[in-house]
Amino acid sequence: MKKIRNFSKRQLSGLVGQWVGMIAVVIGIVIEIQLGAHLGFVLITAGALAYAIATKLLNF
């Protein structure tokens, strides 16, 4: 718990954003493979964008 307290709000939101982005990409890939739906492409794109923004917040 101490490690989380050392993060600033910006870094913590970046970390959470990366997880959300990764999960959205994985769900999008699964939907695309199983259903062949265009929703998969939307989730993959949105997840990648969220991951990129979150990475910028983390200052990498």
PDB file of N, CA and C in Angstrom:
ATOM      1  N   MET A   1       0.819  -1.192   0.000  1.00  0.00           N
ATOM      2  CA  MET A   1       0.000   0.000   0.000  1.00  0.00           C
ATOM      3  C   MET A   1       0.863   1.256   0.000  1.00  0.00           C
ATOM      4  N   LYS A   2       2.060   1.183   0.570  1.00  0.00           N
ATOM      5  CA  LYS A   2       2.927   2.352   0.594  1.00  0.00           C
ATOM      6  C   LYS A   2       3.351   2.753  -0.810  1.00  0.00           C
ATOM      7  N   LYS A   3       3.535   1.763  -1.699  1.00  0.00           N
ATOM      8  CA  LYS A   3       3.943   2.083  -3.058  1.00  0.00           C
ATOM      9  C   LYS A   3       2.877   2.905  -3.770  1.00  0.00           C
ATOM     10  N   ILE A   4       1.615   2.607  -3.530  1.00  0.00           N
ATOM     11  CA  ILE A   4       0.537   3.364  -4.160  1.00  0.00           C
ATOM     12  C   ILE A   4       0.514   4.792  -3.633  1.00  0.00           C
ATOM     13  N   ARG A   5       0.809   4.977  -2.380  1.00  0.00           N
ATOM     14  CA  ARG A   5       0.795   6.324  -1.797  1.00  0.00           C
ATOM     15  C   ARG A   5       1.913   7.193  -2.351  1.00  0.00           C
ATOM     16  N   ASN A   6       2.982   6.597  -2.851  1.00  0.00           N
ATOM     17  CA  ASN A   6       4.082   7.372  -3.400  1.00  0.00           C
ATOM     18  C   ASN A   6       3.780   7.892  -4.806  1.00  0.00           C
ATOM     19  N   PHE A   7       2.761   7.342  -5.464  1.00  0.00           N
ATOM     20  CA  PHE A   7       2.390   7.808  -6.789  1.00  0.00           C
ATOM     21  C   PHE A   7       1.644   9.130  -6.686  1.00  0.00           C
ATOM     22  N   SER A   8       1.881  10.008  -7.651  1.00  0.00           N
ATOM     23  CA  SER A   8       1.050  11.205  -7.732  1.00  0.00           C
ATOM     24  C   SER A   8      -0.270  10.816  -8.398  1.00  0.00           C
ATOM     25  N   LYS A   9      -1.235  11.705  -8.341  1.00  0.00           N
ATOM     26  CA  LYS A   9      -2.530  11.410  -8.965  1.00  0.00           C
ATOM     27  C   LYS A   9      -2.369  11.203 -10.467  1.00  0.00           C
ATOM     28  N   ARG A  10      -1.480  11.960 -11.066  1.00  0.00           N
ATOM     29  CA  ARG A  10      -1.232  11.840 -12.506  1.00  0.00           C
ATOM     30  C   ARG A  10      -0.654  10.473 -12.838  1.00  0.00           C
ATOM     31  N   GLN A  11       0.321  10.020 -12.054  1.00  0.00           N
ATOM     32  CA  GLN A  11       0.923   8.715 -12.300  1.00  0.00           C
ATOM     33  C   GLN A  11      -0.070   7.594 -12.053  1.00  0.00           C
ATOM     34  N   LEU A  12      -0.876   7.724 -11.011  1.00  0.00           N
ATOM     35  CA  LEU A  12      -1.863   6.693 -10.701  1.00  0.00           C
ATOM     36  C   LEU A  12      -2.926   6.611 -11.795  1.00  0.00           C
ATOM     37  N   SER A  13      -3.366   7.761 -12.291  1.00  0.00           N
ATOM     38  CA  SER A  13      -4.345   7.729 -13.382  1.00  0.00           C
ATOM     39  C   SER A  13      -3.719   7.166 -14.649  1.00  0.00           C
ATOM     40  N   GLY A  14      -2.430   7.399 -14.857  1.00  0.00           N
ATOM     41  CA  GLY A  14      -1.743   6.803 -15.997  1.00  0.00           C
ATOM     42  C   GLY A  14      -1.656   5.300 -15.883  1.00  0.00           C
ATOM     43  N   LEU A  15      -1.378   4.817 -14.687  1.00  0.00           N
ATOM     44  CA  LEU A  15      -1.288   3.374 -14.456  1.00  0.00           C
ATOM     45  C   LEU A  15      -2.638   2.698 -14.658  1.00  0.00           C
ATOM     46  N   VAL A  16      -3.679   3.295 -14.100  1.00  0.00           N
ATOM     47  CA  VAL A  16      -5.030   2.738 -14.265  1.00  0.00           C
ATOM     48  C   VAL A  16      -5.449   2.816 -15.734  1.00  0.00           C
ATOM     49  N   GLY A  17      -5.107   3.903 -16.387  1.00  0.00           N
ATOM     50  CA  GLY A  17      -5.442   4.056 -17.804  1.00  0.00           C
ATOM     51  C   GLY A  17      -4.782   3.014 -18.680  1.00  0.00           C
ATOM     52  N   GLN A  18      -3.546   2.651 -18.349  1.00  0.00           N
ATOM     53  CA  GLN A  18      -2.871   1.608 -19.112  1.00  0.00           C
ATOM     54  C   GLN A  18      -3.589   0.273 -18.956  1.00  0.00           C
ATOM     55  N   TRP A  19      -3.998  -0.043 -17.742  1.00  0.00           N
ATOM     56  CA  TRP A  19      -4.726  -1.301 -17.517  1.00  0.00           C
ATOM     57  C   TRP A  19      -6.053  -1.299 -18.264  1.00  0.00           C
ATOM     58  N   VAL A  20      -6.770  -0.192 -18.209  1.00  0.00           N
ATOM     59  CA  VAL A  20      -8.050  -0.099 -18.916  1.00  0.00           C
ATOM     60  C   VAL A  20      -7.832  -0.247 -20.422  1.00  0.00           C
ATOM     61  N   GLY A  21      -6.791   0.393 -20.941  1.00  0.00           N
ATOM     62  CA  GLY A  21      -6.483   0.285 -22.365  1.00  0.00           C
ATOM     63  C   GLY A  21      -6.139  -1.131 -22.773  1.00  0.00           C
ATOM     64  N   MET A  22      -5.317  -1.802 -21.961  1.00  0.00           N
ATOM     65  CA  MET A  22      -4.942  -3.182 -22.282  1.00  0.00           C
ATOM     66  C   MET A  22      -6.157  -4.101 -22.263  1.00  0.00           C
ATOM     67  N   ILE A  23      -7.012  -3.932 -21.269  1.00  0.00           N
ATOM     68  CA  ILE A  23      -8.203  -4.783 -21.165  1.00  0.00           C
ATOM     69  C   ILE A  23      -9.138  -4.531 -22.348  1.00  0.00           C
ATOM     70  N   ALA A  24      -9.296  -3.276 -22.756  1.00  0.00           N
ATOM     71  CA  ALA A  24     -10.159  -2.962 -23.899  1.00  0.00           C
ATOM     72  C   ALA A  24      -9.622  -3.585 -25.181  1.00  0.00           C
ATOM     73  N   VAL A  25      -8.305  -3.559 -25.361  1.00  0.00           N
ATOM     74  CA  VAL A  25      -7.711  -4.171 -26.554  1.00  0.00           C
ATOM     75  C   VAL A  25      -7.940  -5.679 -26.553  1.00  0.00           C
ATOM     76  N   VAL A  26      -7.723  -6.318 -25.420  1.00  0.00           N
ATOM     77  CA  VAL A  26      -7.915  -7.771 -25.337  1.00  0.00           C
ATOM     78  C   VAL A  26      -9.377  -8.140 -25.594  1.00  0.00           C
ATOM     79  N   ILE A  27     -10.305  -7.411 -24.995  1.00  0.00           N
ATOM     80  CA  ILE A  27     -11.727  -7.682 -25.224  1.00  0.00           C
ATOM     81  C   ILE A  27     -12.075  -7.458 -26.697  1.00  0.00           C
ATOM     82  N   GLY A  28     -11.521  -6.409 -27.288  1.00  0.00           N
ATOM     83  CA  GLY A  28     -11.764  -6.145 -28.708  1.00  0.00           C
ATOM     84  C   GLY A  28     -11.255  -7.259 -29.602  1.00  0.00           C
ATOM     85  N   ILE A  29     -10.083  -7.793 -29.291  1.00  0.00           N
ATOM     86  CA  ILE A  29      -9.533  -8.897 -30.081  1.00  0.00           C
ATOM     87  C   ILE A  29     -10.407 -10.139 -29.944  1.00  0.00           C
ATOM     88  N   VAL A  30     -10.841 -10.431 -28.730  1.00  0.00           N
ATOM     89  CA  VAL A  30     -11.694 -11.607 -28.507  1.00  0.00           C
ATOM     90  C   VAL A  30     -13.020 -11.460 -29.253  1.00  0.00           C
ATOM     91  N   ILE A  31     -13.639 -10.292 -29.181  1.00  0.00           N
ATOM     92  CA  ILE A  31     -14.906 -10.065 -29.889  1.00  0.00           C
ATOM     93  C   ILE A  31     -14.699 -10.203 -31.392  1.00  0.00           C
ATOM     94  N   GLU A  32     -13.603  -9.652 -31.885  1.00  0.00           N
ATOM     95  CA  GLU A  32     -13.335  -9.716 -33.318  1.00  0.00           C
ATOM     96  C   GLU A  32     -13.137 -11.156 -33.781  1.00  0.00           C
ATOM     97  N   ILE A  33     -12.428 -11.946 -33.012  1.00  0.00           N
ATOM     98  CA  ILE A  33     -12.177 -13.338 -33.391  1.00  0.00           C
ATOM     99  C   ILE A  33     -13.458 -14.166 -33.296  1.00  0.00           C
ATOM    100  N   GLN A  34     -14.196 -14.011 -32.213  1.00  0.00           N
ATOM    101  CA  GLN A  34     -15.376 -14.853 -32.001  1.00  0.00           C
ATOM    102  C   GLN A  34     -16.573 -14.431 -32.844  1.00  0.00           C
ATOM    103  N   LEU A  35     -16.818 -13.148 -32.953  1.00  0.00           N
ATOM    104  CA  LEU A  35     -18.027 -12.688 -33.626  1.00  0.00           C
ATOM    105  C   LEU A  35     -17.770 -12.096 -35.005  1.00  0.00           C
ATOM    106  N   GLY A  36     -16.549 -11.675 -35.259  1.00  0.00           N
ATOM    107  CA  GLY A  36     -16.264 -10.997 -36.512  1.00  0.00           C
ATOM    108  C   GLY A  36     -16.939  -9.635 -36.588  1.00  0.00           C
ATOM    109  N   ALA A  37     -17.259  -9.069 -35.443  1.00  0.00           N
ATOM    110  CA  ALA A  37     -18.000  -7.808 -35.393  1.00  0.00           C
ATOM    111  C   ALA A  37     -17.060  -6.611 -35.478  1.00  0.00           C
ATOM    112  N   HIS A  38     -17.584  -5.525 -36.011  1.00  0.00           N
ATOM    113  CA  HIS A  38     -16.790  -4.302 -36.115  1.00  0.00           C
ATOM    114  C   HIS A  38     -16.576  -3.646 -34.756  1.00  0.00           C
ATOM    115  N   LEU A  39     -17.366  -4.034 -33.775  1.00  0.00           N
ATOM    116  CA  LEU A  39     -17.182  -3.522 -32.419  1.00  0.00           C
ATOM    117  C   LEU A  39     -15.785  -3.857 -31.908  1.00  0.00           C
ATOM    118  N   GLY A  40     -15.242  -4.979 -32.339  1.00  0.00           N
ATOM    119  CA  GLY A  40     -13.889  -5.363 -31.942  1.00  0.00           C
ATOM    120  C   GLY A  40     -12.862  -4.341 -32.390  1.00  0.00           C
ATOM    121  N   PHE A  41     -12.999  -3.859 -33.638  1.00  0.00           N
ATOM    122  CA  PHE A  41     -12.070  -2.850 -34.137  1.00  0.00           C
ATOM    123  C   PHE A  41     -12.177  -1.554 -33.343  1.00  0.00           C
ATOM    124  N   VAL A  42     -13.392  -1.191 -32.987  1.00  0.00           N
ATOM    125  CA  VAL A  42     -13.602   0.030 -32.203  1.00  0.00           C
ATOM    126  C   VAL A  42     -12.930  -0.100 -30.840  1.00  0.00           C
ATOM    127  N   LEU A  43     -13.110  -1.245 -30.181  1.00  0.00           N
ATOM    128  CA  LEU A  43     -12.491  -1.449 -28.864  1.00  0.00           C
ATOM    129  C   LEU A  43     -10.969  -1.493 -28.954  1.00  0.00           C
ATOM    130  N   ILE A  44     -10.446  -2.117 -30.002  1.00  0.00           N
ATOM    131  CA  ILE A  44      -8.992  -2.170 -30.172  1.00  0.00           C
ATOM    132  C   ILE A  44      -8.436  -0.761 -30.348  1.00  0.00           C
ATOM    133  N   THR A  45      -9.087   0.035 -31.190  1.00  0.00           N
ATOM    134  CA  THR A  45      -8.628   1.405 -31.430  1.00  0.00           C
ATOM    135  C   THR A  45      -8.745   2.266 -30.177  1.00  0.00           C
ATOM    136  N   ALA A  46      -9.880   2.190 -29.496  1.00  0.00           N
ATOM    137  CA  ALA A  46     -10.075   2.982 -28.279  1.00  0.00           C
ATOM    138  C   ALA A  46      -9.110   2.548 -27.182  1.00  0.00           C
ATOM    139  N   GLY A  47      -8.877   1.254 -27.062  1.00  0.00           N
ATOM    140  CA  GLY A  47      -7.941   0.752 -26.058  1.00  0.00           C
ATOM    141  C   GLY A  47      -6.519   1.203 -26.329  1.00  0.00           C
ATOM    142  N   ALA A  48      -6.128   1.172 -27.604  1.00  0.00           N
ATOM    143  CA  ALA A  48      -4.781   1.621 -27.959  1.00  0.00           C
ATOM    144  C   ALA A  48      -4.615   3.114 -27.684  1.00  0.00           C
ATOM    145  N   LEU A  49      -5.645   3.885 -27.976  1.00  0.00           N
ATOM    146  CA  LEU A  49      -5.597   5.322 -27.707  1.00  0.00           C
ATOM    147  C   LEU A  49      -5.526   5.600 -26.209  1.00  0.00           C
ATOM    148  N   ALA A  50      -6.324   4.886 -25.425  1.00  0.00           N
ATOM    149  CA  ALA A  50      -6.291   5.052 -23.967  1.00  0.00           C
ATOM    150  C   ALA A  50      -4.929   4.665 -23.408  1.00  0.00           C
ATOM    151  N   TYR A  51      -4.344   3.602 -23.936  1.00  0.00           N
ATOM    152  CA  TYR A  51      -3.025   3.170 -23.477  1.00  0.00           C
ATOM    153  C   TYR A  51      -1.972   4.236 -23.796  1.00  0.00           C
ATOM    154  N   ALA A  52      -2.046   4.813 -24.989  1.00  0.00           N
ATOM    155  CA  ALA A  52      -1.074   5.836 -25.380  1.00  0.00           C
ATOM    156  C   ALA A  52      -1.185   7.079 -24.496  1.00  0.00           C
ATOM    157  N   ILE A  53      -2.394   7.514 -24.224  1.00  0.00           N
ATOM    158  CA  ILE A  53      -2.590   8.688 -23.365  1.00  0.00           C
ATOM    159  C   ILE A  53      -2.113   8.398 -21.946  1.00  0.00           C
ATOM    160  N   ALA A  54      -2.420   7.205 -21.448  1.00  0.00           N
ATOM    161  CA  ALA A  54      -2.005   6.837 -20.094  1.00  0.00           C
ATOM    162  C   ALA A  54      -0.491   6.744 -19.989  1.00  0.00           C
ATOM    163  N   THR A  55       0.152   6.257 -21.040  1.00  0.00           N
ATOM    164  CA  THR A  55       1.611   6.189 -21.034  1.00  0.00           C
ATOM    165  C   THR A  55       2.206   7.592 -20.980  1.00  0.00           C
ATOM    166  N   LYS A  56       1.598   8.522 -21.682  1.00  0.00           N
ATOM    167  CA  LYS A  56       2.054   9.911 -21.633  1.00  0.00           C
ATOM    168  C   LYS A  56       1.891  10.477 -20.221  1.00  0.00           C
ATOM    169  N   LEU A  57       0.806  10.112 -19.536  1.00  0.00           N
ATOM    170  CA  LEU A  57       0.596  10.576 -18.163  1.00  0.00           C
ATOM    171  C   LEU A  57       1.653  10.025 -17.210  1.00  0.00           C
ATOM    172  N   LEU A  58       2.120   8.813 -17.498  1.00  0.00           N
ATOM    173  CA  LEU A  58       3.125   8.210 -16.627  1.00  0.00           C
ATOM    174  C   LEU A  58       4.528   8.776 -16.856  1.00  0.00           C
ATOM    175  N   ASN A  59       4.681   9.577 -17.911  1.00  0.00           N
ATOM    176  CA  ASN A  59       5.967  10.225 -18.204  1.00  0.00           C
ATOM    177  C   ASN A  59       7.030   9.258 -18.692  1.00  0.00           C
ATOM    178  N   PHE A  60       6.636   8.307 -19.510  1.00  0.00           N
ATOM    179  CA  PHE A  60       7.634   7.389 -20.082  1.00  0.00           C
ATOM    180  C   PHE A  60       8.283   8.020 -21.275  1.00  0.00           C
TER     181      PHE A  60
END
